[in-house]
Amino acid sequence: MPLTFAGTLDRDALVRASQALTPLVSDARIADAWDEESTLPGFSVGGLVRHLVSQPECAVEFLGIQPVPPHAETVSLVELYRRTDWFEAPVGAEENTSIAADFNAMAAGRQEHSLAVLAESVAALPAAVAAAGPTTYVPWQDCLLATDDFLVVRLMEVVVHADDLAAGVGLPAPAFDDEALHPVLALLAALSAGRHGQDRVVRALSRAERAEWPVSAFG
């Protein structure tokens, strides 16, 4: 069956993962490097911070979308990425550069604004998660996703971009708990297998002597 976390996810994992971002986002080294290039191509450090804190913000917004368009199709977690234009696009393609440009512009409020966005979203997230139904509408792809799978997408963005941010300024990444990290690792492995094929991914994950190629889930 397709990868899904419907009915099995600890929904509070996204709340805890979002709370864990505060020490990283508030660090003085982030403020000092705000306008510098981050490790994520096209993003300034500030733009990457703003993208990172948009994940709980996006969750609160999307979980509350009502009414859901009646034509919206329910898709699997991996199918969501197949529908996403940036997923298969090269790093320098407009599908990716436009996202970076948007968040770089949104970072004009500096560290203080991003911290305020994070605090407001973290405060609103538990109620939004508690009130969520079994599916969530994703307007970017005009489809429905099992709510637990939608939360895993947000978790993946939090975990990956927290590492991007921390690596770029010489800070440790947040230590996420297993309930947050394990679904992310499963999703990354599934996306990687779809991109690189079963053999490469199995060998990279299991046998160092046969791990001959990169198997990044995102290119």
C-alpha atoms as a PDB file:
ATOM      1  CA  MET A   1       0.000   0.000   0.000  1.00  0.00           C
ATOM      2  CA  PRO A   2       1.186   3.599  -0.519  1.00  0.00           C
ATOM      3  CA  LEU A   3       3.075   5.225   2.320  1.00  0.00           C
ATOM      4  CA  THR A   4       0.655   6.822   4.764  1.00  0.00           C
ATOM      5  CA  PHE A   5       0.582   7.828   8.409  1.00  0.00           C
ATOM      6  CA  ALA A   6      -3.196   8.145   8.583  1.00  0.00           C
ATOM      7  CA  GLY A   7      -4.387   7.015  11.994  1.00  0.00           C
ATOM      8  CA  THR A   8      -0.888   6.348  13.334  1.00  0.00           C
ATOM      9  CA  LEU A   9       0.804   9.738  13.676  1.00  0.00           C
ATOM     10  CA  ASP A  10       1.289  11.468  16.996  1.00  0.00           C
ATOM     11  CA  ARG A  11      -0.326  14.744  15.877  1.00  0.00           C
ATOM     12  CA  ASP A  12       1.335  16.686  18.670  1.00  0.00           C
ATOM     13  CA  ALA A  13       4.717  15.908  17.079  1.00  0.00           C
ATOM     14  CA  LEU A  14       4.462  18.969  14.852  1.00  0.00           C
ATOM     15  CA  VAL A  15       3.692  21.147  17.868  1.00  0.00           C
ATOM     16  CA  ARG A  16       6.780  19.889  19.684  1.00  0.00           C
ATOM     17  CA  ALA A  17       8.980  20.139  16.589  1.00  0.00           C
ATOM     18  CA  SER A  18       7.849  23.716  16.013  1.00  0.00           C
ATOM     19  CA  GLN A  19       8.531  24.620  19.633  1.00  0.00           C
ATOM     20  CA  ALA A  20      12.030  23.178  19.247  1.00  0.00           C
ATOM     21  CA  LEU A  21      12.815  25.774  16.557  1.00  0.00           C
ATOM     22  CA  THR A  22      12.785  28.747  18.923  1.00  0.00           C
ATOM     23  CA  PRO A  23      16.359  28.444  20.305  1.00  0.00           C
ATOM     24  CA  LEU A  24      17.746  28.114  16.765  1.00  0.00           C
ATOM     25  CA  VAL A  25      15.717  30.913  15.194  1.00  0.00           C
ATOM     26  CA  SER A  26      16.420  33.280  18.096  1.00  0.00           C
ATOM     27  CA  ASP A  27      20.199  32.759  18.152  1.00  0.00           C
ATOM     28  CA  ALA A  28      22.285  35.899  17.681  1.00  0.00           C
ATOM     29  CA  ARG A  29      24.313  34.220  14.919  1.00  0.00           C
ATOM     30  CA  ILE A  30      21.144  33.991  12.852  1.00  0.00           C
ATOM     31  CA  ALA A  31      20.593  37.724  13.166  1.00  0.00           C
ATOM     32  CA  ASP A  32      24.237  38.442  12.297  1.00  0.00           C
ATOM     33  CA  ALA A  33      24.052  36.323   9.122  1.00  0.00           C
ATOM     34  CA  TRP A  34      20.540  37.404   8.096  1.00  0.00           C
ATOM     35  CA  ASP A  35      21.440  38.854   4.693  1.00  0.00           C
ATOM     36  CA  GLU A  36      24.089  36.282   3.822  1.00  0.00           C
ATOM     37  CA  GLU A  37      23.559  33.366   1.444  1.00  0.00           C
ATOM     38  CA  SER A  38      22.280  30.255   3.198  1.00  0.00           C
ATOM     39  CA  THR A  39      23.109  26.634   2.411  1.00  0.00           C
ATOM     40  CA  LEU A  40      19.834  26.404   0.474  1.00  0.00           C
ATOM     41  CA  PRO A  41      20.436  27.720  -3.064  1.00  0.00           C
ATOM     42  CA  GLY A  42      18.842  31.099  -3.666  1.00  0.00           C
ATOM     43  CA  PHE A  43      17.776  31.652  -0.061  1.00  0.00           C
ATOM     44  CA  SER A  44      19.358  34.192   2.230  1.00  0.00           C
ATOM     45  CA  VAL A  45      19.676  33.091   5.847  1.00  0.00           C
ATOM     46  CA  GLY A  46      16.729  35.341   6.639  1.00  0.00           C
ATOM     47  CA  GLY A  47      14.682  33.929   3.777  1.00  0.00           C
ATOM     48  CA  LEU A  48      15.379  30.406   4.988  1.00  0.00           C
ATOM     49  CA  VAL A  49      14.312  31.358   8.523  1.00  0.00           C
ATOM     50  CA  ARG A  50      11.089  32.822   7.178  1.00  0.00           C
ATOM     51  CA  HIS A  51      10.471  29.676   5.121  1.00  0.00           C
ATOM     52  CA  LEU A  52      11.132  27.516   8.173  1.00  0.00           C
ATOM     53  CA  VAL A  53       8.729  29.360  10.475  1.00  0.00           C
ATOM     54  CA  SER A  54       6.091  29.330   7.736  1.00  0.00           C
ATOM     55  CA  GLN A  55       5.636  25.583   8.264  1.00  0.00           C
ATOM     56  CA  PRO A  56       3.572  25.756  11.489  1.00  0.00           C
ATOM     57  CA  GLU A  57       2.000  28.940  10.114  1.00  0.00           C
ATOM     58  CA  CYS A  58       0.937  27.050   6.977  1.00  0.00           C
ATOM     59  CA  ALA A  59      -0.379  24.166   9.079  1.00  0.00           C
ATOM     60  CA  VAL A  60      -2.651  26.467  11.069  1.00  0.00           C
ATOM     61  CA  GLU A  61      -3.939  28.081   7.870  1.00  0.00           C
ATOM     62  CA  PHE A  62      -4.544  24.903   5.874  1.00  0.00           C
ATOM     63  CA  LEU A  63      -6.025  22.845   8.700  1.00  0.00           C
ATOM     64  CA  GLY A  64      -8.699  25.500   9.021  1.00  0.00           C
ATOM     65  CA  ILE A  65      -9.723  25.724   5.355  1.00  0.00           C
ATOM     66  CA  GLN A  66     -13.490  25.325   5.067  1.00  0.00           C
ATOM     67  CA  PRO A  67     -15.437  24.498   3.065  1.00  0.00           C
ATOM     68  CA  VAL A  68     -13.312  22.090   1.071  1.00  0.00           C
ATOM     69  CA  PRO A  69     -13.908  22.364  -2.693  1.00  0.00           C
ATOM     70  CA  PRO A  70     -16.220  19.470  -3.628  1.00  0.00           C
ATOM     71  CA  HIS A  71     -14.134  18.496  -6.654  1.00  0.00           C
ATOM     72  CA  ALA A  72     -10.890  18.013  -4.687  1.00  0.00           C
ATOM     73  CA  GLU A  73      -9.322  14.569  -5.104  1.00  0.00           C
ATOM     74  CA  THR A  74      -7.698  12.729  -2.200  1.00  0.00           C
ATOM     75  CA  VAL A  75      -4.115  11.772  -3.067  1.00  0.00           C
ATOM     76  CA  SER A  76      -1.366   9.768  -1.404  1.00  0.00           C
ATOM     77  CA  LEU A  77       1.618  11.298   0.320  1.00  0.00           C
ATOM     78  CA  VAL A  78       4.060  10.464  -2.480  1.00  0.00           C
ATOM     79  CA  GLU A  79       1.551  11.474  -5.165  1.00  0.00           C
ATOM     80  CA  LEU A  80       1.412  14.929  -3.598  1.00  0.00           C
ATOM     81  CA  TYR A  81       5.062  15.407  -4.542  1.00  0.00           C
ATOM     82  CA  ARG A  82       4.489  14.129  -8.057  1.00  0.00           C
ATOM     83  CA  ARG A  83       1.963  16.958  -8.426  1.00  0.00           C
ATOM     84  CA  THR A  84       4.383  19.559  -7.060  1.00  0.00           C
ATOM     85  CA  ASP A  85       6.120  21.559  -9.790  1.00  0.00           C
ATOM     86  CA  TRP A  86       9.304  22.301  -7.834  1.00  0.00           C
ATOM     87  CA  PHE A  87       9.964  18.673  -6.901  1.00  0.00           C
ATOM     88  CA  GLU A  88      11.239  17.584 -10.321  1.00  0.00           C
ATOM     89  CA  ALA A  89      12.467  21.011 -11.412  1.00  0.00           C
ATOM     90  CA  PRO A  90      16.200  21.883 -11.400  1.00  0.00           C
ATOM     91  CA  VAL A  91      17.425  24.042  -8.545  1.00  0.00           C
ATOM     92  CA  GLY A  92      17.779  27.048 -10.842  1.00  0.00           C
ATOM     93  CA  ALA A  93      14.334  26.696 -12.410  1.00  0.00           C
ATOM     94  CA  GLU A  94      11.702  29.366 -11.816  1.00  0.00           C
ATOM     95  CA  GLU A  95       9.607  26.914  -9.803  1.00  0.00           C
ATOM     96  CA  ASN A  96      12.358  26.982  -7.172  1.00  0.00           C
ATOM     97  CA  THR A  97      13.829  30.456  -7.576  1.00  0.00           C
ATOM     98  CA  SER A  98      10.405  32.067  -7.223  1.00  0.00           C
ATOM     99  CA  ILE A  99       9.904  30.374  -3.839  1.00  0.00           C
ATOM    100  CA  ALA A 100      13.275  31.631  -2.659  1.00  0.00           C
ATOM    101  CA  ALA A 101      12.553  35.150  -3.897  1.00  0.00           C
ATOM    102  CA  ASP A 102       9.202  35.227  -2.095  1.00  0.00           C
ATOM    103  CA  PHE A 103      10.651  34.204   1.249  1.00  0.00           C
ATOM    104  CA  ASN A 104      13.691  36.445   0.901  1.00  0.00           C
ATOM    105  CA  ALA A 105      11.260  39.338   0.478  1.00  0.00           C
ATOM    106  CA  MET A 106       9.151  38.148   3.423  1.00  0.00           C
ATOM    107  CA  ALA A 107      12.286  38.209   5.577  1.00  0.00           C
ATOM    108  CA  ALA A 108      12.327  42.023   5.488  1.00  0.00           C
ATOM    109  CA  GLY A 109      10.888  42.039   9.004  1.00  0.00           C
ATOM    110  CA  ARG A 110      14.133  40.459  10.205  1.00  0.00           C
ATOM    111  CA  GLN A 111      14.551  38.020  13.067  1.00  0.00           C
ATOM    112  CA  GLU A 112      12.005  39.713  15.318  1.00  0.00           C
ATOM    113  CA  HIS A 113       9.160  39.247  12.850  1.00  0.00           C
ATOM    114  CA  SER A 114      10.023  35.617  12.164  1.00  0.00           C
ATOM    115  CA  LEU A 115      10.114  34.915  15.895  1.00  0.00           C
ATOM    116  CA  ALA A 116       6.702  36.547  16.264  1.00  0.00           C
ATOM    117  CA  VAL A 117       5.308  34.419  13.415  1.00  0.00           C
ATOM    118  CA  LEU A 118       6.720  31.293  15.046  1.00  0.00           C
ATOM    119  CA  ALA A 119       5.345  32.161  18.487  1.00  0.00           C
ATOM    120  CA  GLU A 120       1.889  32.969  17.141  1.00  0.00           C
ATOM    121  CA  SER A 121       1.756  29.800  15.049  1.00  0.00           C
ATOM    122  CA  VAL A 122       2.982  27.560  17.874  1.00  0.00           C
ATOM    123  CA  ALA A 123       0.317  29.026  20.148  1.00  0.00           C
ATOM    124  CA  ALA A 124      -2.459  28.414  17.594  1.00  0.00           C
ATOM    125  CA  LEU A 125      -1.284  25.013  16.375  1.00  0.00           C
ATOM    126  CA  PRO A 126      -2.590  22.722  19.164  1.00  0.00           C
ATOM    127  CA  ALA A 127      -6.174  23.929  18.711  1.00  0.00           C
ATOM    128  CA  ALA A 128      -5.887  23.736  14.926  1.00  0.00           C
ATOM    129  CA  VAL A 129      -4.590  20.161  15.104  1.00  0.00           C
ATOM    130  CA  ALA A 130      -7.237  19.134  17.637  1.00  0.00           C
ATOM    131  CA  ALA A 131     -10.033  20.505  15.444  1.00  0.00           C
ATOM    132  CA  ALA A 132      -8.740  19.010  12.194  1.00  0.00           C
ATOM    133  CA  GLY A 133     -10.761  16.420  10.340  1.00  0.00           C
ATOM    134  CA  PRO A 134      -9.447  13.270   8.666  1.00  0.00           C
ATOM    135  CA  THR A 135      -8.331  15.114   5.514  1.00  0.00           C
ATOM    136  CA  THR A 136      -6.815  18.523   4.784  1.00  0.00           C
ATOM    137  CA  TYR A 137      -7.150  20.595   1.635  1.00  0.00           C
ATOM    138  CA  VAL A 138      -3.866  21.578  -0.035  1.00  0.00           C
ATOM    139  CA  PRO A 139      -4.671  24.571  -2.245  1.00  0.00           C
ATOM    140  CA  TRP A 140      -1.320  24.621  -4.056  1.00  0.00           C
ATOM    141  CA  GLN A 141      -2.107  21.239  -5.607  1.00  0.00           C
ATOM    142  CA  ASP A 142      -5.902  21.555  -5.359  1.00  0.00           C
ATOM    143  CA  CYS A 143      -6.207  18.189  -3.638  1.00  0.00           C
ATOM    144  CA  LEU A 144      -6.951  16.545  -0.312  1.00  0.00           C
ATOM    145  CA  LEU A 145      -4.388  14.751   1.811  1.00  0.00           C
ATOM    146  CA  ALA A 146      -4.951  12.629   4.897  1.00  0.00           C
ATOM    147  CA  THR A 147      -4.421  15.089   7.743  1.00  0.00           C
ATOM    148  CA  ASP A 148      -1.745  12.922   9.362  1.00  0.00           C
ATOM    149  CA  ASP A 149       0.112  12.850   6.033  1.00  0.00           C
ATOM    150  CA  PHE A 150      -0.245  16.623   5.698  1.00  0.00           C
ATOM    151  CA  LEU A 151       1.328  17.007   9.138  1.00  0.00           C
ATOM    152  CA  VAL A 152       4.211  14.742   8.079  1.00  0.00           C
ATOM    153  CA  VAL A 153       4.854  17.031   5.102  1.00  0.00           C
ATOM    154  CA  ARG A 154       5.127  19.961   7.492  1.00  0.00           C
ATOM    155  CA  LEU A 155       7.362  17.899   9.806  1.00  0.00           C
ATOM    156  CA  MET A 156       9.648  17.070   6.903  1.00  0.00           C
ATOM    157  CA  GLU A 157       9.964  20.746   6.016  1.00  0.00           C
ATOM    158  CA  VAL A 158      10.737  21.618   9.648  1.00  0.00           C
ATOM    159  CA  VAL A 159      13.366  18.909  10.117  1.00  0.00           C
ATOM    160  CA  VAL A 160      15.132  19.412   6.775  1.00  0.00           C
ATOM    161  CA  HIS A 161      15.159  23.208   6.794  1.00  0.00           C
ATOM    162  CA  ALA A 162      16.164  23.396  10.450  1.00  0.00           C
ATOM    163  CA  ASP A 163      19.219  21.379   9.468  1.00  0.00           C
ATOM    164  CA  ASP A 164      19.824  23.626   6.430  1.00  0.00           C
ATOM    165  CA  LEU A 165      19.678  26.685   8.660  1.00  0.00           C
ATOM    166  CA  ALA A 166      21.825  25.286  11.467  1.00  0.00           C
ATOM    167  CA  ALA A 167      24.500  23.978   9.101  1.00  0.00           C
ATOM    168  CA  GLY A 168      24.866  27.355   7.426  1.00  0.00           C
ATOM    169  CA  VAL A 169      25.647  29.267  10.614  1.00  0.00           C
ATOM    170  CA  GLY A 170      27.588  26.636  12.518  1.00  0.00           C
ATOM    171  CA  LEU A 171      24.896  25.762  15.041  1.00  0.00           C
ATOM    172  CA  PRO A 172      23.592  22.333  16.075  1.00  0.00           C
ATOM    173  CA  ALA A 173      20.276  21.365  14.590  1.00  0.00           C
ATOM    174  CA  PRO A 174      17.389  20.844  17.019  1.00  0.00           C
ATOM    175  CA  ALA A 175      17.128  17.335  18.445  1.00  0.00           C
ATOM    176  CA  PHE A 176      13.700  16.203  17.273  1.00  0.00           C
ATOM    177  CA  ASP A 177      11.963  13.338  19.043  1.00  0.00           C
ATOM    178  CA  ASP A 178      11.322   9.981  17.385  1.00  0.00           C
ATOM    179  CA  GLU A 179       7.643  10.730  16.783  1.00  0.00           C
ATOM    180  CA  ALA A 180       8.698  13.658  14.600  1.00  0.00           C
ATOM    181  CA  LEU A 181      11.884  12.258  13.085  1.00  0.00           C
ATOM    182  CA  HIS A 182      10.894   8.725  12.114  1.00  0.00           C
ATOM    183  CA  PRO A 183       7.993   9.695   9.807  1.00  0.00           C
ATOM    184  CA  VAL A 184      10.285  12.235   8.145  1.00  0.00           C
ATOM    185  CA  LEU A 185      12.961   9.620   7.518  1.00  0.00           C
ATOM    186  CA  ALA A 186      10.366   7.247   6.056  1.00  0.00           C
ATOM    187  CA  LEU A 187       9.054   9.956   3.717  1.00  0.00           C
ATOM    188  CA  LEU A 188      12.549  10.947   2.596  1.00  0.00           C
ATOM    189  CA  ALA A 189      13.403   7.301   1.876  1.00  0.00           C
ATOM    190  CA  ALA A 190      10.217   6.834  -0.178  1.00  0.00           C
ATOM    191  CA  LEU A 191      10.841  10.014  -2.187  1.00  0.00           C
ATOM    192  CA  SER A 192      14.468   9.032  -2.704  1.00  0.00           C
ATOM    193  CA  ALA A 193      13.472   5.594  -4.004  1.00  0.00           C
ATOM    194  CA  GLY A 194      11.086   7.207  -6.453  1.00  0.00           C
ATOM    195  CA  ARG A 195      13.839   9.500  -7.707  1.00  0.00           C
ATOM    196  CA  HIS A 196      16.840   7.152  -7.731  1.00  0.00           C
ATOM    197  CA  GLY A 197      15.355   3.652  -7.826  1.00  0.00           C
ATOM    198  CA  GLN A 198      15.172   0.814  -5.336  1.00  0.00           C
ATOM    199  CA  ASP A 199      18.697  -0.530  -5.792  1.00  0.00           C
ATOM    200  CA  ARG A 200      20.514   2.731  -5.150  1.00  0.00           C
ATOM    201  CA  VAL A 201      18.505   3.584  -2.065  1.00  0.00           C
ATOM    202  CA  VAL A 202      18.621   0.123  -0.485  1.00  0.00           C
ATOM    203  CA  ARG A 203      22.375  -0.075  -1.045  1.00  0.00           C
ATOM    204  CA  ALA A 204      23.006   3.432   0.272  1.00  0.00           C
ATOM    205  CA  LEU A 205      21.014   2.736   3.428  1.00  0.00           C
ATOM    206  CA  SER A 206      22.285  -0.768   4.111  1.00  0.00           C
ATOM    207  CA  ARG A 207      25.728  -1.423   2.582  1.00  0.00           C
ATOM    208  CA  ALA A 208      28.525   1.143   2.745  1.00  0.00           C
ATOM    209  CA  GLU A 209      30.607  -0.818   0.238  1.00  0.00           C
ATOM    210  CA  ARG A 210      27.846  -0.531  -2.382  1.00  0.00           C
ATOM    211  CA  ALA A 211      26.688   3.042  -1.643  1.00  0.00           C
ATOM    212  CA  GLU A 212      28.160   4.482  -4.825  1.00  0.00           C
ATOM    213  CA  TRP A 213      25.750   7.354  -5.601  1.00  0.00           C
ATOM    214  CA  PRO A 214      24.039  10.233  -3.829  1.00  0.00           C
ATOM    215  CA  VAL A 215      20.431   9.402  -2.979  1.00  0.00           C
ATOM    216  CA  SER A 216      19.078  12.777  -1.916  1.00  0.00           C
ATOM    217  CA  ALA A 217      15.281  12.879  -1.970  1.00  0.00           C
ATOM    218  CA  PHE A 218      15.398  16.379  -3.473  1.00  0.00           C
ATOM    219  CA  GLY A 219      17.781  16.077  -6.356  1.00  0.00           C
END
